[in-house]
Amino acid sequence: MDPANQPPDKSPAPMLPFRISRDTIILLAALLFLAFAILLAVLFPPSGSELARARTPAPTLVQMTVAVVEPVSTSTPAPTMLPTVAALPPTDTPPYPPPQNIAPGLAAPSPTLDLPLPTAAPDVAGAAPTPALAQAPTLEPTLAPPPVVQPTPEQPTAVQPTPEPSPVVVQPTQPPAPRPTRPPPTATPIPIDIIRSTTYWTIAQSPIILRRDTVVAAGAGLIIEPGVEVRIPPGVTLYVDGRLYALGQADRPVRFSGAALPRWEGIVGQPGSDIVLEHVDVRGGGAGGTVISSERGSLTIRSSRITDNGGHVRIAGGRFELRDSEIAGNDMPYGAAVEIIYESGGSVTLVGNRIGGNRMAFGAPNVRIDSRSPNDTVTLDIQGNLLVGQDGPNLALETNGPLQGIVQCNGFIGGSNGLSVLSTLPQAPGLPLLTIRNNAIEKHTPPIIPIYLERGIGRGATSDVLIDMRSNWWGAAEGPYEPDRHADGRGDAPGDLVQFDPWLTERPACAPAQ
């Protein structure tokens, strides 16, 4: 249709005006500039040392310059627009100065975008001038807390910085003077008292109290007079390398006693030593299981009493004599009451002693003599002793070589066995040089065999080799019981390799009784 022919009542369609204000243009430009700046920061990160990168956190959106854009308002102020980041066109306003509170030695923070803020300009159509944009402080990349928005009644809300704590400035300090250090502790040897010459302990000095371990040096001598009491503290030992003569009398014995519980150790004879204990009482010793010992020396004990101790008497080599003495009432955790060991021969004298009533390990004998050399001879002189057993033999002889001497007039009473001989010697000739006569062998525990239990017959003697035990008392006038050779006997039984006939029909007078 021709426009000239249009009806007069229809007017052309109205055109809506499209108007963009200056504030909108500024805001769009700022957003574009910010996007461009972020793109540059991602593509070209700022350079710096490894130390600066380690200590300076990467800038975030909060750490950049923040601008507040306020629209023109003549009546009620509109809410403040707080864009995350605002980038505006550059003006003549100088940028913010760099922070001045960097501690010495620390790297400077990564550079920030210093964006100038526009000044006030007249609005379109003669409106009131737009106030200048609020200037926000540049946030330094430190560990300070983020800014807090605090509104005020007179002014629009703006970002107010939270007061930052004073930075800690690391100042180089002079190192403190080194303190004097003590040298590391060294092992201090345990002190001992040494007797280096011939020394007498007299009754005027009694009691003698040992302070610590005491040594009688080689070549020196310690002589203790009758009636002297020697008190020894717990754990203390009297060592003898030279000579120790404790010479008491029947009415004035020399006493070795403990100063207090627990027990003291013992008297220890070293190789080459010479110890004589005559009329001596030994009590309260044996903390380690041995109260008197001698190794490859000479030990003589006469008319003495060894009671109420925690250990036994032990001899290893050398010469040993135990005469007219009593060893009773002791606690012995291991071994025999008298333990004698020879590696290369020696001599043993046991005469007139009373050994029994000790608390010993199960199966331990009263006396054990062990000869370990197949070529060297051990000479025995065992007479007139009363050996009262507990759970083991009264006398145990263990030998790999020859034994010679005499075993007579002893009372072998109680326990599991009277005499026990263990040997690796061939069956013949056995021990032909060992004489065993006039001993009283009686009251031993019957083995768990009906006939032995019925008749109360124990084992009087056992042996691995042939031994001659004729002319001994077996506890009954009928002689020993032996199922094959003498079934009519009622006395303690001998072993298969024990010769017993003829036997004594009455107890020998020389053998001590219990």
Protein backbone atom coordinates (compact mmCIF):
# COMPACT_ATOMS: atom_id res chain seq x y z
CA MET A 1 0.00 0.00 0.00
CA ASP A 2 1.26 3.44 -0.77
CA PRO A 3 2.08 5.37 2.34
CA ALA A 4 0.32 8.36 0.96
CA ASN A 5 -2.88 6.43 0.95
CA GLN A 6 -2.70 5.39 4.65
CA PRO A 7 -5.65 6.33 6.75
CA PRO A 8 -5.27 9.55 8.66
CA ASP A 9 -6.09 7.97 12.04
CA LYS A 10 -2.98 5.76 12.15
CA SER A 11 0.26 7.34 13.33
CA PRO A 12 3.77 5.89 12.84
CA ALA A 13 5.11 3.48 15.58
CA PRO A 14 6.89 5.35 18.37
CA MET A 15 10.76 4.95 18.59
CA LEU A 16 12.19 4.22 22.09
CA PRO A 17 15.28 6.32 22.71
CA PHE A 18 18.43 4.22 23.61
CA ARG A 19 20.57 6.29 26.00
CA ILE A 20 23.81 5.28 27.74
CA SER A 21 24.95 7.43 30.63
CA ARG A 22 28.50 8.38 31.27
CA ASP A 23 28.65 6.40 34.50
CA THR A 24 27.74 3.24 32.65
CA ILE A 25 30.45 3.83 30.09
CA ILE A 26 33.03 4.37 32.83
CA LEU A 27 31.97 1.18 34.60
CA LEU A 28 32.16 -0.91 31.42
CA ALA A 29 35.59 0.53 30.59
CA ALA A 30 36.81 -0.30 34.08
CA LEU A 31 35.61 -3.89 33.80
CA LEU A 32 37.30 -4.32 30.42
CA PHE A 33 40.54 -2.88 31.75
CA LEU A 34 40.40 -5.18 34.75
CA ALA A 35 39.86 -8.24 32.57
CA PHE A 36 42.82 -7.20 30.41
CA ALA A 37 45.01 -6.70 33.49
CA ILE A 38 44.11 -10.12 34.86
CA LEU A 39 44.92 -11.71 31.51
CA LEU A 40 48.34 -10.01 31.49
CA ALA A 41 49.01 -11.10 35.06
CA VAL A 42 48.24 -14.72 34.17
CA LEU A 43 50.27 -14.75 30.95
CA PHE A 44 53.25 -12.78 32.33
CA PRO A 45 53.67 -13.49 36.05
CA PRO A 46 56.04 -11.15 37.90
CA SER A 47 59.59 -12.40 38.32
CA GLY A 48 61.28 -12.76 41.68
CA SER A 49 63.70 -14.86 43.68
CA GLU A 50 62.74 -18.20 45.13
CA LEU A 51 62.84 -16.70 48.59
CA ALA A 52 60.36 -13.92 47.59
CA ARG A 53 58.04 -16.46 46.02
CA ALA A 54 58.18 -18.65 49.08
CA ARG A 55 57.48 -15.84 51.54
CA THR A 56 55.03 -13.75 49.40
CA PRO A 57 51.63 -15.28 48.77
CA ALA A 58 50.16 -14.87 45.30
CA PRO A 59 47.98 -11.77 45.02
CA THR A 60 44.29 -12.42 45.19
CA LEU A 61 41.31 -10.33 44.14
CA VAL A 62 41.01 -8.97 47.65
CA GLN A 63 44.62 -7.73 47.58
CA MET A 64 44.18 -5.44 44.58
CA THR A 65 43.01 -1.85 44.55
CA VAL A 66 39.31 -1.67 45.28
CA ALA A 67 37.18 1.22 44.07
CA VAL A 68 33.67 2.13 45.14
CA VAL A 69 31.35 3.37 42.39
CA GLU A 70 28.43 5.49 43.59
CA PRO A 71 25.64 6.47 41.16
CA VAL A 72 24.16 9.99 41.08
CA SER A 73 21.27 10.40 43.46
CA THR A 74 19.28 13.48 44.36
CA SER A 75 16.97 11.94 46.93
CA THR A 76 17.49 8.55 48.59
CA PRO A 77 21.02 7.26 48.17
CA ALA A 78 21.18 3.96 46.33
CA PRO A 79 23.10 1.02 47.76
CA THR A 80 26.82 1.29 47.26
CA MET A 81 28.10 -0.86 44.44
CA LEU A 82 31.27 -2.69 45.52
CA PRO A 83 32.73 -4.41 42.50
CA THR A 84 35.34 -7.01 43.28
CA VAL A 85 38.00 -5.22 41.25
CA ALA A 86 37.68 -1.87 39.50
CA ALA A 87 40.11 -0.68 36.87
CA LEU A 88 39.61 2.90 35.69
CA PRO A 89 41.25 4.96 32.93
CA PRO A 90 44.54 6.52 33.95
CA THR A 91 44.56 10.12 35.14
CA ASP A 92 47.15 12.45 36.53
CA THR A 93 46.66 11.10 40.09
CA PRO A 94 49.93 9.54 41.25
CA PRO A 95 49.89 5.86 42.24
CA TYR A 96 50.11 4.67 45.82
CA PRO A 97 53.61 4.51 47.22
CA PRO A 98 55.06 1.04 47.86
CA PRO A 99 54.93 -0.29 51.42
CA GLN A 100 57.77 0.79 53.68
CA ASN A 101 57.51 -1.77 56.47
CA ILE A 102 59.31 -4.66 54.89
CA ALA A 103 61.68 -6.30 57.30
CA PRO A 104 65.35 -6.36 56.36
CA GLY A 105 66.36 -9.49 54.62
CA LEU A 106 62.87 -10.21 53.28
CA ALA A 107 61.94 -9.97 49.62
CA ALA A 108 59.58 -7.22 48.50
CA PRO A 109 55.99 -8.24 47.80
CA SER A 110 54.81 -8.88 44.27
CA PRO A 111 53.85 -5.64 42.46
CA THR A 112 50.17 -4.63 42.53
CA LEU A 113 48.14 -2.73 39.95
CA ASP A 114 48.31 0.94 40.87
CA LEU A 115 45.10 2.34 39.34
CA PRO A 116 44.36 6.10 39.62
CA LEU A 117 40.91 7.20 40.63
CA PRO A 118 38.92 9.92 38.64
CA THR A 119 38.11 13.27 40.16
CA ALA A 120 34.65 14.80 40.37
CA ALA A 121 33.08 15.81 37.05
CA PRO A 122 29.79 17.60 36.21
CA ASP A 123 26.91 15.33 35.41
CA VAL A 124 24.88 15.38 32.26
CA ALA A 125 22.09 17.96 31.89
CA GLY A 126 23.39 20.26 34.63
CA ALA A 127 22.99 17.78 37.45
CA ALA A 128 24.95 18.02 40.65
CA PRO A 129 28.56 17.03 40.31
CA THR A 130 29.27 13.38 41.06
CA PRO A 131 31.40 12.95 44.12
CA ALA A 132 34.81 11.51 43.60
CA LEU A 133 35.19 7.79 43.97
CA ALA A 134 36.25 6.68 47.40
CA GLN A 135 39.88 5.75 47.44
CA ALA A 136 40.55 2.34 49.04
CA PRO A 137 43.96 1.49 50.40
CA THR A 138 46.15 -1.00 48.63
CA LEU A 139 46.27 -4.26 50.64
CA GLU A 140 49.78 -5.54 51.11
CA PRO A 141 50.40 -9.23 50.55
CA THR A 142 51.02 -10.03 54.19
CA LEU A 143 49.41 -12.38 56.65
CA ALA A 144 47.22 -9.61 58.10
CA PRO A 145 43.47 -10.32 58.33
CA PRO A 146 41.25 -9.09 55.41
CA PRO A 147 39.58 -5.64 55.57
CA VAL A 148 36.32 -5.32 57.46
CA VAL A 149 33.42 -3.18 56.03
CA GLN A 150 32.28 -0.70 58.67
CA PRO A 151 29.25 1.52 57.70
CA THR A 152 29.01 5.10 58.97
CA PRO A 153 25.80 7.15 59.31
CA GLU A 154 27.01 10.22 57.42
CA GLN A 155 28.92 8.62 54.57
CA PRO A 156 28.22 5.74 52.23
CA THR A 157 29.62 2.37 53.22
CA ALA A 158 33.25 2.01 52.26
CA VAL A 159 35.91 -0.55 52.83
CA GLN A 160 37.87 0.37 55.94
CA PRO A 161 41.19 -1.33 56.55
CA THR A 162 41.64 -3.25 59.78
CA PRO A 163 44.65 -1.97 61.72
CA GLU A 164 47.52 -4.23 60.94
CA PRO A 165 49.72 -5.56 63.70
CA SER A 166 53.16 -4.16 63.89
CA PRO A 167 55.42 -6.17 61.66
CA VAL A 168 58.02 -8.31 63.37
CA VAL A 169 61.38 -7.05 62.23
CA VAL A 170 64.08 -9.67 62.36
CA GLN A 171 67.16 -7.94 63.66
CA PRO A 172 70.48 -9.74 63.62
CA THR A 173 71.51 -10.44 67.17
CA GLN A 174 74.85 -11.39 68.56
CA PRO A 175 74.97 -15.09 69.44
CA PRO A 176 75.14 -15.73 73.17
CA ALA A 177 78.44 -16.58 74.65
CA PRO A 178 78.91 -20.35 74.82
CA ARG A 179 78.34 -21.79 78.25
CA PRO A 180 81.12 -23.84 79.73
CA THR A 181 80.31 -27.49 79.25
CA ARG A 182 81.35 -30.31 81.50
CA PRO A 183 83.35 -33.14 80.02
CA PRO A 184 81.36 -36.34 79.52
CA PRO A 185 81.35 -38.52 82.59
CA THR A 186 83.84 -41.33 82.57
CA ALA A 187 83.48 -44.68 84.23
CA THR A 188 84.76 -44.30 87.77
CA PRO A 189 86.44 -47.44 89.03
CA ILE A 190 84.95 -48.83 92.20
CA PRO A 191 87.34 -47.92 95.02
CA ILE A 192 88.97 -50.70 97.00
CA ASP A 193 91.18 -50.88 100.05
CA ILE A 194 94.52 -52.61 99.48
CA ILE A 195 96.70 -54.16 102.16
CA ARG A 196 100.22 -53.97 100.73
CA SER A 197 102.34 -55.23 103.64
CA THR A 198 102.05 -57.52 106.63
CA THR A 199 99.18 -56.19 108.75
CA TYR A 200 97.82 -57.24 112.15
CA TRP A 201 94.24 -56.79 113.28
CA THR A 202 94.30 -56.94 117.06
CA ILE A 203 91.65 -57.28 119.77
CA ALA A 204 92.26 -53.62 120.67
CA GLN A 205 91.06 -52.58 117.21
CA SER A 206 87.98 -54.83 117.24
CA PRO A 207 85.50 -54.60 115.71
CA ILE A 208 87.15 -54.12 112.34
CA ILE A 209 84.62 -52.64 109.90
CA LEU A 210 85.41 -52.95 106.21
CA ARG A 211 84.26 -49.93 104.25
CA ARG A 212 84.47 -51.48 100.79
CA ASP A 213 86.06 -54.38 98.90
CA THR A 214 89.43 -55.15 100.47
CA VAL A 215 92.39 -56.85 98.81
CA VAL A 216 95.35 -58.49 100.49
CA ALA A 217 97.95 -57.89 97.79
CA ALA A 218 100.37 -60.52 96.54
CA GLY A 219 103.37 -60.68 98.84
CA ALA A 220 101.43 -59.09 101.70
CA GLY A 221 99.86 -60.78 104.71
CA LEU A 222 96.87 -60.15 106.96
CA ILE A 223 97.03 -61.75 110.41
CA ILE A 224 93.90 -61.60 112.59
CA GLU A 225 94.39 -62.28 116.28
CA PRO A 226 91.98 -64.28 118.52
CA GLY A 227 88.74 -62.61 119.53
CA VAL A 228 88.68 -60.07 116.68
CA GLU A 229 85.34 -59.43 114.99
CA VAL A 230 85.38 -58.38 111.33
CA ARG A 231 82.16 -56.73 110.19
CA ILE A 232 81.55 -56.68 106.47
CA PRO A 233 78.86 -54.50 104.81
CA PRO A 234 76.44 -55.93 102.23
CA GLY A 235 77.97 -56.77 98.88
CA VAL A 236 81.58 -56.41 100.07
CA THR A 237 84.24 -59.04 99.34
CA LEU A 238 87.56 -59.81 100.99
CA TYR A 239 90.01 -60.80 98.23
CA VAL A 240 93.25 -62.58 99.04
CA ASP A 241 96.17 -62.54 96.60
CA GLY A 242 98.75 -63.01 99.35
CA ARG A 243 98.21 -64.59 102.78
CA LEU A 244 95.27 -64.48 105.19
CA TYR A 245 95.70 -66.07 108.61
CA ALA A 246 92.68 -65.80 110.91
CA LEU A 247 94.00 -67.52 114.05
CA GLY A 248 91.31 -67.75 116.70
CA GLN A 249 91.09 -69.93 119.76
CA ALA A 250 88.34 -72.23 121.05
CA ASP A 251 87.17 -69.65 123.61
CA ARG A 252 88.03 -66.60 121.46
CA PRO A 253 87.16 -67.28 117.83
CA VAL A 254 87.66 -64.85 115.01
CA ARG A 255 84.28 -63.77 113.65
CA PHE A 256 83.40 -62.70 110.12
CA SER A 257 79.87 -61.34 110.27
CA GLY A 258 77.58 -59.12 108.31
CA ALA A 259 77.11 -55.54 109.44
CA ALA A 260 73.50 -55.57 108.20
CA LEU A 261 71.20 -57.31 105.79
CA PRO A 262 71.46 -58.13 102.92
CA ARG A 263 74.43 -60.47 102.98
CA TRP A 264 78.05 -59.64 102.25
CA GLU A 265 79.77 -61.53 99.42
CA GLY A 266 82.54 -63.77 100.72
CA ILE A 267 86.23 -64.55 101.18
CA VAL A 268 87.85 -65.18 97.81
CA GLY A 269 91.29 -66.73 97.42
CA GLN A 270 93.00 -65.83 94.14
CA PRO A 271 95.58 -68.03 92.34
CA GLY A 272 98.67 -68.50 94.49
CA SER A 273 96.95 -67.39 97.69
CA ASP A 274 97.27 -69.03 101.09
CA ILE A 275 94.27 -68.89 103.46
CA VAL A 276 94.13 -70.43 106.95
CA LEU A 277 90.93 -70.11 108.99
CA GLU A 278 91.30 -71.66 112.44
CA HIS A 279 88.59 -71.32 115.11
CA VAL A 280 86.64 -68.97 112.90
CA ASP A 281 82.90 -68.26 112.73
CA VAL A 282 81.60 -67.18 109.34
CA ARG A 283 78.06 -65.79 109.22
CA GLY A 284 75.90 -63.64 106.97
CA GLY A 285 77.96 -64.04 103.78
CA GLY A 286 77.43 -65.71 100.45
CA ALA A 287 75.29 -63.11 98.67
CA GLY A 288 76.41 -64.51 95.30
CA GLY A 289 76.03 -68.20 96.21
CA THR A 290 79.60 -68.77 97.49
CA VAL A 291 80.81 -67.76 100.92
CA ILE A 292 84.41 -69.08 100.79
CA SER A 293 86.32 -69.94 97.63
CA SER A 294 89.85 -70.68 96.51
CA GLU A 295 91.18 -71.00 92.97
CA ARG A 296 94.55 -72.71 92.44
CA GLY A 297 95.65 -71.75 95.92
CA SER A 298 95.75 -73.31 99.37
CA LEU A 299 92.71 -73.25 101.66
CA THR A 300 92.76 -74.67 105.20
CA ILE A 301 89.73 -74.54 107.50
CA ARG A 302 90.08 -76.02 110.98
CA SER A 303 87.72 -76.11 113.96
CA SER A 304 85.43 -73.54 112.40
CA ARG A 305 81.70 -72.98 111.96
CA ILE A 306 80.13 -71.84 108.68
CA THR A 307 76.48 -71.19 109.43
CA ASP A 308 73.64 -68.88 108.40
CA ASN A 309 75.15 -67.99 105.04
CA GLY A 310 73.75 -67.80 101.54
CA GLY A 311 76.34 -69.90 99.74
CA HIS A 312 78.64 -72.87 99.76
CA VAL A 313 82.40 -73.54 99.98
CA ARG A 314 84.04 -73.93 96.56
CA ILE A 315 87.56 -75.04 95.65
CA ALA A 316 88.98 -75.07 92.13
CA GLY A 317 92.44 -76.63 92.06
CA GLY A 318 95.21 -76.39 94.59
CA ARG A 319 95.20 -77.85 98.07
CA PHE A 320 92.16 -78.08 100.35
CA GLU A 321 91.83 -79.15 103.96
CA LEU A 322 88.60 -79.09 105.97
CA ARG A 323 89.01 -80.49 109.47
CA ASP A 324 86.79 -80.63 112.58
CA SER A 325 84.42 -78.02 111.23
CA GLU A 326 80.66 -77.61 110.85
CA ILE A 327 78.79 -76.48 107.75
CA ALA A 328 75.09 -76.32 108.61
CA GLY A 329 72.05 -74.07 108.43
CA ASN A 330 73.02 -72.37 105.18
CA ASP A 331 70.93 -71.46 102.12
CA MET A 332 72.71 -72.83 99.06
CA PRO A 333 70.97 -72.02 95.77
CA TYR A 334 73.15 -74.32 93.68
CA GLY A 335 75.90 -76.89 93.95
CA ALA A 336 77.04 -79.06 96.83
CA ALA A 337 77.68 -77.76 100.31
CA VAL A 338 81.37 -78.37 99.60
CA GLU A 339 82.22 -78.23 95.89
CA ILE A 340 85.73 -79.42 94.91
CA ILE A 341 86.90 -79.33 91.27
CA TYR A 342 90.29 -80.38 89.92
CA GLU A 343 91.39 -79.82 86.35
CA SER A 344 94.87 -81.32 86.73
CA GLY A 345 95.00 -83.36 89.92
CA GLY A 346 95.25 -82.35 93.55
CA SER A 347 94.62 -83.47 97.12
CA VAL A 348 91.61 -83.30 99.41
CA THR A 349 91.50 -83.70 103.18
CA LEU A 350 88.13 -83.98 104.89
CA VAL A 351 88.46 -85.16 108.49
CA GLY A 352 86.03 -84.98 111.42
CA ASN A 353 83.50 -82.60 109.86
CA ARG A 354 79.73 -82.32 110.27
CA ILE A 355 77.98 -81.29 107.06
CA GLY A 356 74.20 -81.34 106.85
CA GLY A 357 71.00 -79.51 107.59
CA ASN A 358 71.53 -77.07 104.73
CA ARG A 359 68.82 -75.90 102.34
CA MET A 360 70.12 -76.99 98.96
CA ALA A 361 68.87 -77.53 95.42
CA PHE A 362 67.11 -80.82 94.78
CA GLY A 363 69.61 -83.66 94.20
CA ALA A 364 72.65 -81.69 95.40
CA PRO A 365 75.15 -83.75 97.48
CA ASN A 366 76.80 -82.76 100.72
CA VAL A 367 80.27 -83.13 99.21
CA ARG A 368 81.13 -83.39 95.53
CA ILE A 369 84.64 -84.07 94.24
CA ASP A 370 85.11 -83.70 90.48
CA SER A 371 88.39 -84.83 88.85
CA ARG A 372 88.36 -83.79 85.19
CA SER A 373 91.83 -84.87 84.04
CA PRO A 374 92.16 -88.40 82.58
CA ASN A 375 95.89 -88.48 83.35
CA ASP A 376 96.29 -86.72 86.69
CA THR A 377 95.51 -88.34 90.03
CA VAL A 378 93.45 -86.90 92.85
CA THR A 379 94.37 -88.08 96.34
CA LEU A 380 91.58 -88.36 98.91
CA ASP A 381 91.75 -88.42 102.69
CA ILE A 382 88.12 -88.57 103.84
CA GLN A 383 87.70 -89.83 107.41
CA GLY A 384 85.42 -89.43 110.40
CA ASN A 385 82.88 -87.14 108.74
CA LEU A 386 79.13 -87.04 109.41
CA LEU A 387 77.37 -86.33 106.12
CA VAL A 388 73.61 -86.00 106.49
CA GLY A 389 71.87 -85.90 103.12
CA GLN A 390 68.71 -84.18 101.99
CA ASP A 391 67.66 -85.16 98.45
CA GLY A 392 70.98 -86.19 96.96
CA PRO A 393 74.03 -88.35 97.77
CA ASN A 394 76.12 -87.86 100.88
CA LEU A 395 79.37 -88.10 98.92
CA ALA A 396 79.58 -87.86 95.11
CA LEU A 397 82.82 -88.78 93.32
CA GLU A 398 82.96 -87.83 89.64
CA THR A 399 86.16 -88.68 87.86
CA ASN A 400 87.66 -89.08 84.41
CA GLY A 401 90.95 -90.33 85.83
CA PRO A 402 92.41 -92.31 88.71
CA LEU A 403 91.48 -91.72 92.34
CA GLN A 404 93.57 -92.91 95.24
CA GLY A 405 93.49 -92.60 99.00
CA ILE A 406 91.13 -93.65 101.74
CA VAL A 407 87.45 -93.15 102.60
CA GLN A 408 86.76 -94.62 106.04
CA CYS A 409 84.95 -94.18 109.36
CA ASN A 410 82.37 -91.84 107.87
CA GLY A 411 78.66 -91.70 108.61
CA PHE A 412 76.70 -91.57 105.33
CA ILE A 413 73.17 -90.98 106.58
CA GLY A 414 69.92 -90.02 104.87
CA GLY A 415 69.36 -88.60 101.42
CA SER A 416 68.89 -90.55 98.23
CA ASN A 417 72.27 -92.33 98.30
CA GLY A 418 75.27 -92.87 100.52
CA LEU A 419 78.14 -92.98 98.01
CA SER A 420 77.79 -92.22 94.32
CA VAL A 421 80.64 -92.87 91.90
CA LEU A 422 80.38 -91.60 88.32
CA SER A 423 83.32 -92.35 86.08
CA THR A 424 84.33 -92.70 82.43
CA LEU A 425 87.08 -95.19 83.33
CA PRO A 426 86.84 -98.67 81.82
CA GLN A 427 85.19 -101.34 83.92
CA ALA A 428 88.53 -102.91 84.87
CA PRO A 429 90.58 -102.20 86.81
CA GLY A 430 88.15 -99.63 88.22
CA LEU A 431 89.52 -97.80 91.27
CA PRO A 432 91.84 -100.34 92.90
CA LEU A 433 93.87 -97.70 94.75
CA LEU A 434 90.84 -96.28 96.56
CA THR A 435 90.12 -97.91 99.91
CA ILE A 436 86.58 -97.63 101.29
CA ARG A 437 86.30 -99.24 104.78
CA ASN A 438 84.46 -99.02 108.13
CA ASN A 439 81.80 -96.57 106.99
CA ALA A 440 78.24 -96.52 108.35
CA ILE A 441 75.80 -96.45 105.42
CA GLU A 442 72.20 -96.20 106.60
CA LYS A 443 68.74 -94.60 106.55
CA HIS A 444 68.55 -93.69 102.89
CA THR A 445 65.28 -93.08 101.08
CA PRO A 446 63.91 -96.26 99.41
CA PRO A 447 63.40 -96.07 95.66
CA ILE A 448 59.89 -96.51 94.31
CA ILE A 449 60.16 -100.29 94.00
CA PRO A 450 57.73 -102.53 95.95
CA ILE A 451 60.28 -104.73 97.69
CA TYR A 452 62.45 -101.71 98.63
CA LEU A 453 59.45 -99.81 99.93
CA GLU A 454 58.18 -102.84 101.84
CA ARG A 455 61.46 -103.47 103.65
CA GLY A 456 62.59 -99.82 103.92
CA ILE A 457 65.72 -100.38 101.94
CA GLY A 458 67.51 -97.44 100.33
CA ARG A 459 70.48 -97.24 98.02
CA GLY A 460 73.69 -97.40 100.01
CA ALA A 461 76.07 -97.07 97.06
CA THR A 462 76.02 -96.87 93.28
CA SER A 463 78.94 -96.90 90.87
CA ASP A 464 79.69 -96.91 87.13
CA VAL A 465 82.97 -98.80 87.68
CA LEU A 466 84.07 -101.66 89.87
CA ILE A 467 84.78 -100.49 93.43
CA ASP A 468 85.69 -102.40 96.60
CA MET A 469 83.36 -101.59 99.53
CA ARG A 470 83.94 -104.61 101.74
CA SER A 471 83.92 -104.29 105.54
CA ASN A 472 81.30 -101.55 105.75
CA TRP A 473 78.11 -101.31 107.77
CA TRP A 474 74.96 -101.24 105.61
CA GLY A 475 72.44 -100.57 108.36
CA ALA A 476 71.58 -104.18 109.25
CA ALA A 477 73.43 -107.18 110.67
CA GLU A 478 72.15 -109.28 107.72
CA GLY A 479 74.16 -107.14 105.38
CA PRO A 480 72.97 -105.22 102.30
CA TYR A 481 70.04 -106.32 100.17
CA GLU A 482 70.98 -107.39 96.69
CA PRO A 483 68.30 -109.33 94.72
CA ASP A 484 70.73 -111.59 92.86
CA ARG A 485 73.68 -111.90 95.20
CA HIS A 486 72.19 -111.49 98.68
CA ALA A 487 68.40 -111.51 98.76
CA ASP A 488 68.41 -112.20 102.53
CA GLY A 489 69.99 -108.87 103.32
CA ARG A 490 68.02 -106.10 105.02
CA GLY A 491 70.49 -103.25 104.82
CA ASP A 492 70.82 -100.52 102.20
CA ALA A 493 71.44 -101.96 98.75
CA PRO A 494 74.75 -101.75 96.82
CA GLY A 495 74.98 -101.42 93.07
CA ASP A 496 75.89 -104.22 90.67
CA LEU A 497 79.54 -103.11 90.47
CA VAL A 498 80.02 -102.76 94.21
CA GLN A 499 81.80 -105.52 96.14
CA PHE A 500 80.29 -105.76 99.66
CA ASP A 501 81.02 -109.25 101.00
CA PRO A 502 82.14 -109.58 103.78
CA TRP A 503 80.21 -106.78 105.51
CA LEU A 504 80.27 -105.48 109.09
CA THR A 505 77.60 -107.02 111.33
CA GLU A 506 77.60 -104.05 113.71
CA ARG A 507 78.05 -100.33 113.35
CA PRO A 508 81.71 -99.22 113.50
CA ALA A 509 82.58 -97.16 116.54
CA CYS A 510 84.76 -94.78 114.55
CA ALA A 511 81.87 -93.60 112.36
CA PRO A 512 80.03 -90.59 113.85
CA ALA A 513 76.26 -90.95 114.42
CA GLN A 514 73.57 -88.38 113.82
